[in-house]
């Protein structure tokens, strides 16, 4: 069986040049790259899963890399709706789809760039990825086109796009919804401090308070890591000594945990304490009472990300961020207080 040394010797280049050619480094002359691919094919050298396509200048597979799906709450179908949007769009195009599901607790086992190169992937959609993930940083520094979901990436790489709702605006709207109903003692059940989405939603809350000329109290922000169980625990502890008029939750899952804690503490929703969520999960219209929340269309987010990635691969546009639509869904979990 041929080795990388055999390919390098016949091509008259170093082993590192062969490695760079297979790993899509931009500093390799395209003519040299194609000659290396032809020799590798001739020698039956197969460093990756799709070696039969090594000599192809156009990579026709896109990747969906998703972290945390395997340890998501069973009530949360957001990731699967994104999958459906991506799959439906890709299946109607000339591209094929490769899916890489990562357990977020064991995320450092394989580089995303390595995954893409092994499968000759021409571009990737990243969902559920943290901005401090070193593999994420490596990938956006390559020449592999990428679309990231719910992250605004500060990079000069023109091959990077992103798709999300306007999280700051959506949270500003639902915060104003509570404030306009005379709620002032509001607890913010936030997600994970380091995430882009959480930072944007905090900004939206602060903007709404500022617009209403009200002081925002950081001490009333609780971080529940977007976890139903953690939100339940934090709300239960908080309610042992305090009774706010409302909980503003950065996800429906956390709102479910908060609603459970409120009821166990003997309070009524919304008569005693109001609750809002974010996402509009399927179960949110079946809670008692039904949950007021922000709806985002995850299927459409997946669809838009697949369209944007194909445009990036085919050089149809420059760096771009696309905002998907959101909607405030008013149900029965918020009470209007008397304006005393």
Foldseek 3Di string as FASTA:
>chain_A
DDDLVNLCVVLVHDSVLLVCLLLQAPVHDPVSSLSSLVSCVVVVPQPADPSVCSNPPAQQEEEEEEEQPVPDDPLDCLVVLLVLLQQVQSVVDSHHYDYHYHHNVPRPPDQPSVVCSRRVHQAYEYEPDAPPPVSVVVVLPGLRQYEYEQDDDPDPRFSYEYEEAQLLQLLLVVLLVQVVLVFDQEAEAFADPRGSSRVSNVNSNVVNCVVVVHDDDPVSYHYQNLALQSLLVVLLVVVVPDFGLEYEYAAVSSQNSNVVSCVVSPHDFNVRHFYAHEACGVCQVVDVNRHWYKHFRSSVRSNVRNVVNVCSSVVVDTYYYYHGDMDTDDTRRHHRDDDD
